[in-house]
């Protein structure tokens, strides 16, 4: 009878270990930091609005994965540095709006945008919107991105 008790406790421990190991416990997803250098900022009025997109479709529909508004108070020599931390690996493209009046949208004059715009690692010179493939990058390590603002 002294052998039955340790065998029962041993069986219980093995059962608990088996049950716990059968759960698909995932390790935390590795995240990365996107360091951004924004240049050619014409003034300190308003905000810089960054929108992270993951695909051509979300860019076309203007439904960003993440939107970030940055104060322009720290602009020095027409340049601003910013970091986005904790971003999961994926394909991303960043679109920028220099929202000088703070209304969270691009303002237009007669035919042209009144406010500046930019894209990750891509200076757009065309008259129509770029495609996502023009400014996308694969985030699989910490990334440095240049964004030069264009005003029309």
N, C-alpha and C. Protein backbone atom coordinates (compact mmCIF):
# COMPACT_ATOMS: atom_id res chain seq x y z
N UNK A 1 0.80 -1.20 0.00
CA UNK A 1 0.00 0.00 0.00
C UNK A 1 0.84 1.26 0.00
N UNK A 2 2.03 1.20 0.47
CA UNK A 2 2.86 2.39 0.47
C UNK A 2 3.29 2.77 -0.95
N UNK A 3 3.29 1.80 -1.87
CA UNK A 3 3.68 2.09 -3.25
C UNK A 3 2.54 2.74 -4.03
N UNK A 4 1.29 2.48 -3.69
CA UNK A 4 0.14 3.00 -4.42
C UNK A 4 0.03 4.51 -4.30
N UNK A 5 0.29 5.07 -3.13
CA UNK A 5 0.15 6.51 -2.93
C UNK A 5 1.16 7.29 -3.78
N UNK A 6 2.47 6.97 -3.77
CA UNK A 6 3.41 7.71 -4.62
C UNK A 6 3.10 7.52 -6.11
N UNK A 7 2.64 6.34 -6.51
CA UNK A 7 2.30 6.10 -7.90
C UNK A 7 1.13 6.98 -8.33
N UNK A 8 0.13 7.15 -7.47
CA UNK A 8 -1.03 7.99 -7.76
C UNK A 8 -0.61 9.45 -7.87
N UNK A 9 0.23 9.93 -6.96
CA UNK A 9 0.71 11.31 -7.01
C UNK A 9 1.55 11.54 -8.27
N UNK A 10 2.37 10.55 -8.61
CA UNK A 10 3.20 10.63 -9.80
C UNK A 10 2.33 10.70 -11.06
N UNK A 11 1.28 9.89 -11.10
CA UNK A 11 0.36 9.89 -12.25
C UNK A 11 -0.35 11.23 -12.38
N UNK A 12 -0.73 11.81 -11.27
CA UNK A 12 -1.40 13.11 -11.26
C UNK A 12 -0.47 14.20 -11.81
N UNK A 13 0.76 14.20 -11.37
CA UNK A 13 1.74 15.18 -11.84
C UNK A 13 1.96 15.03 -13.34
N UNK A 14 2.09 13.80 -13.81
CA UNK A 14 2.26 13.57 -15.24
C UNK A 14 1.04 14.04 -16.03
N UNK A 15 -0.15 13.82 -15.51
CA UNK A 15 -1.37 14.27 -16.17
C UNK A 15 -1.39 15.79 -16.27
N UNK A 16 -1.03 16.49 -15.21
CA UNK A 16 -1.00 17.96 -15.22
C UNK A 16 0.03 18.47 -16.23
N UNK A 17 1.22 17.87 -16.24
CA UNK A 17 2.26 18.27 -17.18
C UNK A 17 1.79 18.04 -18.62
N UNK A 18 1.15 16.90 -18.87
CA UNK A 18 0.64 16.60 -20.21
C UNK A 18 -0.41 17.62 -20.64
N UNK A 19 -1.34 17.95 -19.77
CA UNK A 19 -2.39 18.91 -20.10
C UNK A 19 -1.80 20.28 -20.39
N UNK A 20 -0.89 20.73 -19.54
CA UNK A 20 -0.28 22.05 -19.74
C UNK A 20 0.55 22.11 -21.01
N UNK A 21 1.24 21.03 -21.34
CA UNK A 21 2.08 21.04 -22.54
C UNK A 21 1.25 20.92 -23.81
N UNK A 22 0.01 20.47 -23.71
CA UNK A 22 -0.82 20.34 -24.90
C UNK A 22 -1.41 21.68 -25.34
N UNK A 23 -1.42 22.68 -24.45
CA UNK A 23 -1.87 24.01 -24.85
C UNK A 23 -0.83 24.62 -25.77
N UNK A 24 -1.29 25.28 -26.80
CA UNK A 24 -0.38 25.92 -27.74
C UNK A 24 -0.02 27.30 -27.20
N UNK A 25 0.94 27.34 -26.32
CA UNK A 25 1.36 28.60 -25.71
C UNK A 25 2.41 29.21 -26.63
N UNK A 26 2.08 30.37 -27.20
CA UNK A 26 2.98 31.03 -28.12
C UNK A 26 3.89 31.98 -27.36
N UNK A 27 5.11 32.05 -27.83
CA UNK A 27 6.02 33.03 -27.24
C UNK A 27 5.64 34.41 -27.76
N UNK A 28 5.96 35.44 -27.02
CA UNK A 28 5.59 36.79 -27.47
C UNK A 28 6.20 37.10 -28.83
N UNK A 29 5.45 37.85 -29.64
CA UNK A 29 5.93 38.22 -30.97
C UNK A 29 7.02 39.28 -30.82
N UNK A 30 8.09 39.10 -31.54
CA UNK A 30 9.18 40.07 -31.55
C UNK A 30 8.66 41.34 -32.22
N UNK A 31 8.94 42.48 -31.62
CA UNK A 31 8.54 43.75 -32.22
C UNK A 31 9.79 44.58 -32.50
N UNK A 32 9.60 45.58 -33.35
CA UNK A 32 10.71 46.39 -33.80
C UNK A 32 10.38 47.87 -33.69
N UNK A 33 11.41 48.69 -33.87
CA UNK A 33 11.28 50.13 -33.82
C UNK A 33 11.55 50.70 -35.21
N UNK A 34 10.69 51.64 -35.63
CA UNK A 34 10.90 52.37 -36.87
C UNK A 34 11.37 53.77 -36.49
N UNK A 35 12.60 54.09 -36.84
CA UNK A 35 13.15 55.43 -36.60
C UNK A 35 12.95 56.24 -37.87
N UNK A 36 12.34 57.42 -37.72
CA UNK A 36 11.96 58.22 -38.88
C UNK A 36 12.66 59.58 -38.83
N UNK A 37 13.24 59.95 -39.95
CA UNK A 37 13.81 61.29 -40.11
C UNK A 37 12.93 62.02 -41.13
N UNK A 38 12.26 63.08 -40.66
CA UNK A 38 11.37 63.87 -41.51
C UNK A 38 12.09 65.18 -41.83
N UNK A 39 12.24 65.48 -43.12
CA UNK A 39 12.95 66.68 -43.52
C UNK A 39 12.07 67.58 -44.38
N UNK A 40 12.55 68.82 -44.58
CA UNK A 40 11.90 69.83 -45.41
C UNK A 40 10.59 70.34 -44.79
N UNK A 41 10.50 70.40 -43.48
CA UNK A 41 9.32 70.91 -42.79
C UNK A 41 9.37 72.44 -42.87
N UNK A 42 8.32 73.06 -43.41
CA UNK A 42 8.41 74.50 -43.65
C UNK A 42 8.10 75.39 -42.46
N UNK A 43 7.41 74.87 -41.44
CA UNK A 43 7.13 75.70 -40.26
C UNK A 43 6.79 74.82 -39.06
N UNK A 44 6.57 75.44 -37.91
CA UNK A 44 6.26 74.71 -36.67
C UNK A 44 4.76 74.70 -36.36
N UNK A 45 3.93 75.10 -37.29
CA UNK A 45 2.48 75.16 -37.07
C UNK A 45 1.85 73.77 -37.24
N UNK A 46 0.91 73.44 -36.38
CA UNK A 46 0.14 72.22 -36.52
C UNK A 46 0.87 70.96 -36.10
N UNK A 47 0.61 69.88 -36.83
CA UNK A 47 1.12 68.56 -36.49
C UNK A 47 1.62 67.84 -37.73
N UNK A 48 2.49 66.87 -37.49
CA UNK A 48 2.84 65.89 -38.52
C UNK A 48 1.95 64.68 -38.24
N UNK A 49 1.24 64.22 -39.25
CA UNK A 49 0.39 63.04 -39.10
C UNK A 49 1.00 61.91 -39.93
N UNK A 50 1.32 60.81 -39.24
CA UNK A 50 1.86 59.61 -39.90
C UNK A 50 0.79 58.55 -39.94
N UNK A 51 0.66 57.89 -41.08
CA UNK A 51 -0.29 56.79 -41.21
C UNK A 51 0.47 55.57 -41.72
N UNK A 52 0.42 54.49 -40.94
CA UNK A 52 1.05 53.23 -41.34
C UNK A 52 0.04 52.38 -42.07
N UNK A 53 0.42 51.95 -43.27
CA UNK A 53 -0.42 51.08 -44.08
C UNK A 53 0.28 49.74 -44.25
N UNK A 54 -0.52 48.69 -44.48
CA UNK A 54 0.03 47.35 -44.66
C UNK A 54 -0.18 46.79 -46.06
N UNK A 55 -0.98 47.47 -46.89
CA UNK A 55 -1.25 46.94 -48.23
C UNK A 55 -1.75 48.04 -49.15
N UNK A 56 -1.76 47.73 -50.44
CA UNK A 56 -2.28 48.66 -51.44
C UNK A 56 -3.76 48.95 -51.18
N UNK A 57 -4.49 47.90 -50.82
CA UNK A 57 -5.93 48.07 -50.60
C UNK A 57 -6.22 49.02 -49.44
N UNK A 58 -5.52 48.86 -48.30
CA UNK A 58 -5.78 49.75 -47.16
C UNK A 58 -5.32 51.17 -47.48
N UNK A 59 -4.28 51.31 -48.31
CA UNK A 59 -3.84 52.64 -48.73
C UNK A 59 -4.89 53.29 -49.62
N UNK A 60 -5.43 52.53 -50.57
CA UNK A 60 -6.48 53.06 -51.46
C UNK A 60 -7.72 53.46 -50.67
N UNK A 61 -8.09 52.64 -49.68
CA UNK A 61 -9.29 52.91 -48.87
C UNK A 61 -9.03 53.93 -47.75
N UNK A 62 -7.77 54.32 -47.59
CA UNK A 62 -7.36 55.25 -46.54
C UNK A 62 -7.80 54.77 -45.16
N UNK A 63 -7.52 53.47 -44.91
CA UNK A 63 -7.78 52.85 -43.61
C UNK A 63 -6.46 52.36 -43.03
N UNK A 64 -5.72 53.26 -42.40
CA UNK A 64 -4.39 52.89 -41.90
C UNK A 64 -4.45 51.90 -40.75
N UNK A 65 -3.39 51.13 -40.62
CA UNK A 65 -3.21 50.22 -39.50
C UNK A 65 -3.02 51.04 -38.22
N UNK A 66 -2.32 52.16 -38.34
CA UNK A 66 -2.03 52.99 -37.17
C UNK A 66 -1.86 54.43 -37.65
N UNK A 67 -2.40 55.38 -36.87
CA UNK A 67 -2.23 56.80 -37.14
C UNK A 67 -1.57 57.45 -35.93
N UNK A 68 -0.57 58.28 -36.20
CA UNK A 68 0.17 58.94 -35.13
C UNK A 68 0.26 60.42 -35.47
N UNK A 69 -0.06 61.27 -34.49
CA UNK A 69 0.06 62.72 -34.65
C UNK A 69 1.21 63.21 -33.78
N UNK A 70 2.11 63.96 -34.38
CA UNK A 70 3.32 64.42 -33.70
C UNK A 70 3.33 65.94 -33.69
N UNK A 71 3.56 66.51 -32.53
CA UNK A 71 3.73 67.95 -32.42
C UNK A 71 4.98 68.38 -33.18
N UNK A 72 4.92 69.56 -33.78
CA UNK A 72 6.08 70.07 -34.52
C UNK A 72 6.93 71.01 -33.66
N UNK A 73 6.72 71.00 -32.36
CA UNK A 73 7.46 71.89 -31.47
C UNK A 73 8.96 71.58 -31.42
N UNK A 74 9.34 70.33 -31.72
CA UNK A 74 10.76 69.94 -31.66
C UNK A 74 11.45 69.98 -33.02
N UNK A 75 10.86 70.67 -33.99
CA UNK A 75 11.48 70.79 -35.30
C UNK A 75 12.72 71.68 -35.19
N UNK A 76 13.84 71.17 -35.71
CA UNK A 76 15.09 71.92 -35.73
C UNK A 76 15.67 71.85 -37.13
N UNK A 77 15.99 73.00 -37.70
CA UNK A 77 16.54 73.06 -39.06
C UNK A 77 15.66 72.31 -40.06
N UNK A 78 14.36 72.50 -39.96
CA UNK A 78 13.37 71.89 -40.86
C UNK A 78 13.34 70.36 -40.78
N UNK A 79 13.84 69.82 -39.66
CA UNK A 79 13.96 68.36 -39.50
C UNK A 79 13.35 67.92 -38.17
N UNK A 80 12.73 66.76 -38.18
CA UNK A 80 12.15 66.17 -36.98
C UNK A 80 12.49 64.68 -36.96
N UNK A 81 12.93 64.19 -35.81
CA UNK A 81 13.21 62.77 -35.63
C UNK A 81 12.13 62.17 -34.75
N UNK A 82 11.68 60.97 -35.10
CA UNK A 82 10.61 60.33 -34.33
C UNK A 82 10.79 58.81 -34.40
N UNK A 83 10.40 58.12 -33.33
CA UNK A 83 10.46 56.66 -33.31
C UNK A 83 9.08 56.08 -33.01
N UNK A 84 8.75 55.04 -33.76
CA UNK A 84 7.54 54.26 -33.50
C UNK A 84 8.02 52.92 -32.97
N UNK A 85 7.69 52.63 -31.73
CA UNK A 85 8.19 51.41 -31.08
C UNK A 85 7.09 50.34 -30.98
N UNK A 86 7.52 49.08 -30.86
CA UNK A 86 6.59 47.98 -30.62
C UNK A 86 5.78 47.57 -31.83
N UNK A 87 6.35 47.65 -33.02
CA UNK A 87 5.63 47.30 -34.24
C UNK A 87 5.99 45.86 -34.66
N UNK A 88 4.97 45.06 -34.91
CA UNK A 88 5.16 43.66 -35.29
C UNK A 88 5.73 43.56 -36.70
N UNK A 89 6.47 42.50 -36.99
CA UNK A 89 7.01 42.33 -38.33
C UNK A 89 5.90 42.22 -39.38
N UNK A 90 6.09 42.89 -40.49
CA UNK A 90 5.14 42.86 -41.60
C UNK A 90 5.65 43.80 -42.67
N UNK A 91 4.91 43.91 -43.77
CA UNK A 91 5.18 44.95 -44.76
C UNK A 91 4.42 46.20 -44.33
N UNK A 92 5.09 47.35 -44.42
CA UNK A 92 4.48 48.61 -44.05
C UNK A 92 4.85 49.67 -45.07
N UNK A 93 4.03 50.68 -45.14
CA UNK A 93 4.33 51.90 -45.87
C UNK A 93 3.81 53.03 -45.01
N UNK A 94 4.56 54.12 -44.94
CA UNK A 94 4.15 55.25 -44.11
C UNK A 94 3.84 56.44 -45.01
N UNK A 95 2.65 56.99 -44.84
CA UNK A 95 2.27 58.22 -45.53
C UNK A 95 2.26 59.34 -44.50
N UNK A 96 2.67 60.53 -44.92
CA UNK A 96 2.81 61.66 -44.01
C UNK A 96 1.97 62.83 -44.52
N UNK A 97 1.33 63.52 -43.60
CA UNK A 97 0.62 64.77 -43.87
C UNK A 97 1.18 65.82 -42.94
N UNK A 98 1.61 66.96 -43.49
CA UNK A 98 1.99 68.10 -42.66
C UNK A 98 0.70 68.90 -42.44
N UNK A 99 0.01 68.54 -41.38
CA UNK A 99 -1.31 69.11 -41.07
C UNK A 99 -1.13 70.45 -40.34
N UNK A 100 -0.86 71.47 -41.12
CA UNK A 100 -0.51 72.78 -40.57
C UNK A 100 -1.64 73.43 -39.78
N UNK A 101 -2.89 73.17 -40.15
CA UNK A 101 -4.01 73.77 -39.41
C UNK A 101 -4.65 72.82 -38.40
N UNK A 102 -4.12 71.61 -38.28
CA UNK A 102 -4.57 70.68 -37.25
C UNK A 102 -5.96 70.09 -37.43
N UNK A 103 -6.49 70.09 -38.66
CA UNK A 103 -7.85 69.56 -38.87
C UNK A 103 -7.88 68.08 -39.27
N UNK A 104 -6.74 67.41 -39.24
CA UNK A 104 -6.60 65.97 -39.48
C UNK A 104 -6.93 65.52 -40.91
N UNK A 105 -6.87 66.46 -41.86
CA UNK A 105 -7.11 66.09 -43.26
C UNK A 105 -6.29 66.99 -44.17
N UNK A 106 -6.06 66.53 -45.39
CA UNK A 106 -5.35 67.30 -46.40
C UNK A 106 -6.27 68.41 -46.89
N UNK A 107 -5.76 69.62 -46.90
CA UNK A 107 -6.51 70.76 -47.43
C UNK A 107 -6.01 71.09 -48.83
N UNK A 108 -6.94 71.45 -49.72
CA UNK A 108 -6.61 71.71 -51.10
C UNK A 108 -6.93 73.15 -51.46
N UNK A 109 -6.11 73.69 -52.36
CA UNK A 109 -6.40 74.98 -52.97
C UNK A 109 -7.25 74.72 -54.18
N UNK A 110 -7.03 75.48 -55.22
CA UNK A 110 -7.83 75.31 -56.43
C UNK A 110 -7.64 73.93 -57.04
N UNK A 111 -6.40 73.51 -57.23
CA UNK A 111 -6.11 72.19 -57.79
C UNK A 111 -5.09 71.39 -56.98
N UNK A 112 -4.34 72.08 -56.16
CA UNK A 112 -3.20 71.46 -55.49
C UNK A 112 -3.41 71.36 -53.98
N UNK A 113 -2.72 70.43 -53.35
CA UNK A 113 -2.74 70.39 -51.89
C UNK A 113 -2.09 71.65 -51.31
N UNK A 114 -2.69 72.19 -50.28
CA UNK A 114 -2.12 73.35 -49.59
C UNK A 114 -1.07 72.93 -48.56
N UNK A 115 -1.16 71.68 -48.11
CA UNK A 115 -0.27 71.18 -47.07
C UNK A 115 0.70 70.15 -47.65
N UNK A 116 1.78 69.93 -46.92
CA UNK A 116 2.80 69.02 -47.39
C UNK A 116 2.45 67.55 -47.17
N UNK A 117 3.13 66.70 -47.94
CA UNK A 117 2.93 65.25 -47.84
C UNK A 117 4.25 64.55 -48.10
N UNK A 118 4.34 63.31 -47.68
CA UNK A 118 5.54 62.53 -47.91
C UNK A 118 5.27 61.05 -47.71
N UNK A 119 6.26 60.24 -48.11
CA UNK A 119 6.13 58.79 -48.03
C UNK A 119 7.45 58.19 -47.60
N UNK A 120 7.38 57.02 -46.98
CA UNK A 120 8.58 56.36 -46.46
C UNK A 120 9.55 56.01 -47.58
N UNK A 121 10.78 56.54 -47.44
CA UNK A 121 11.88 56.27 -48.37
C UNK A 121 11.52 56.52 -49.83
N UNK A 122 10.62 57.48 -50.07
CA UNK A 122 10.18 57.74 -51.44
C UNK A 122 9.74 59.20 -51.53
N UNK A 123 10.32 59.93 -52.48
CA UNK A 123 9.92 61.32 -52.72
C UNK A 123 9.05 61.33 -53.96
N UNK A 124 7.77 61.61 -53.77
CA UNK A 124 6.79 61.52 -54.86
C UNK A 124 6.77 62.82 -55.66
N UNK A 125 7.01 62.71 -56.97
CA UNK A 125 7.01 63.89 -57.83
C UNK A 125 5.84 63.89 -58.81
N UNK A 126 5.04 62.83 -58.82
CA UNK A 126 3.92 62.74 -59.76
C UNK A 126 2.73 63.57 -59.32
N UNK A 127 1.73 63.60 -60.18
CA UNK A 127 0.50 64.36 -59.90
C UNK A 127 -0.59 63.49 -59.27
N UNK A 128 -0.48 62.18 -59.41
CA UNK A 128 -1.47 61.29 -58.79
C UNK A 128 -0.82 60.59 -57.59
N UNK A 129 -1.64 59.92 -56.81
CA UNK A 129 -1.12 59.21 -55.63
C UNK A 129 -0.14 58.12 -56.06
N UNK A 130 0.89 57.89 -55.27
CA UNK A 130 1.78 56.77 -55.57
C UNK A 130 1.09 55.44 -55.26
N UNK A 131 1.69 54.35 -55.65
CA UNK A 131 1.18 53.04 -55.25
C UNK A 131 1.90 52.62 -53.98
N UNK A 132 1.30 51.72 -53.26
CA UNK A 132 1.88 51.22 -52.02
C UNK A 132 3.28 50.66 -52.25
N UNK A 133 3.48 49.99 -53.37
CA UNK A 133 4.79 49.39 -53.65
C UNK A 133 5.89 50.44 -53.78
N UNK A 134 5.55 51.70 -54.09
CA UNK A 134 6.55 52.76 -54.17
C UNK A 134 7.20 53.07 -52.83
N UNK A 135 6.44 52.91 -51.74
CA UNK A 135 6.97 53.35 -50.44
C UNK A 135 6.90 52.29 -49.34
N UNK A 136 6.66 51.05 -49.71
CA UNK A 136 6.59 49.99 -48.71
C UNK A 136 7.98 49.49 -48.34
N UNK A 137 8.07 48.89 -47.17
CA UNK A 137 9.30 48.24 -46.73
C UNK A 137 8.91 47.07 -45.85
N UNK A 138 9.82 46.11 -45.73
CA UNK A 138 9.58 44.93 -44.91
C UNK A 138 10.22 45.16 -43.55
N UNK A 139 9.41 45.13 -42.51
CA UNK A 139 9.92 45.32 -41.15
C UNK A 139 10.23 43.95 -40.55
N UNK A 140 11.51 43.58 -40.55
CA UNK A 140 11.95 42.33 -39.93
C UNK A 140 13.18 42.57 -39.05
N UNK A 141 13.44 43.84 -38.81
CA UNK A 141 14.49 44.30 -37.90
C UNK A 141 14.19 45.78 -37.64
N UNK A 142 14.89 46.39 -36.70
CA UNK A 142 14.71 47.82 -36.50
C UNK A 142 15.04 48.52 -37.81
N UNK A 143 14.22 49.50 -38.16
CA UNK A 143 14.31 50.11 -39.49
C UNK A 143 14.48 51.62 -39.37
N UNK A 144 15.27 52.21 -40.29
CA UNK A 144 15.43 53.66 -40.40
C UNK A 144 14.75 54.10 -41.68
N UNK A 145 13.88 55.12 -41.59
CA UNK A 145 13.11 55.59 -42.72
C UNK A 145 13.33 57.09 -42.91
N UNK A 146 13.56 57.50 -44.16
CA UNK A 146 13.64 58.92 -44.50
C UNK A 146 12.33 59.35 -45.13
N UNK A 147 11.86 60.54 -44.74
CA UNK A 147 10.65 61.09 -45.31
C UNK A 147 10.88 62.58 -45.59
N UNK A 148 10.95 62.94 -46.87
CA UNK A 148 11.11 64.34 -47.26
C UNK A 148 9.74 64.87 -47.68
N UNK A 149 9.32 65.94 -47.02
CA UNK A 149 8.00 66.50 -47.29
C UNK A 149 8.04 67.31 -48.59
N UNK A 150 6.99 67.14 -49.38
CA UNK A 150 6.82 67.90 -50.62
C UNK A 150 5.65 68.86 -50.45
N UNK A 151 5.87 70.11 -50.86
CA UNK A 151 4.80 71.13 -50.88
C UNK A 151 4.62 71.55 -52.33
N UNK A 152 3.39 71.81 -52.71
CA UNK A 152 3.11 72.21 -54.10
C UNK A 152 2.74 73.67 -54.16
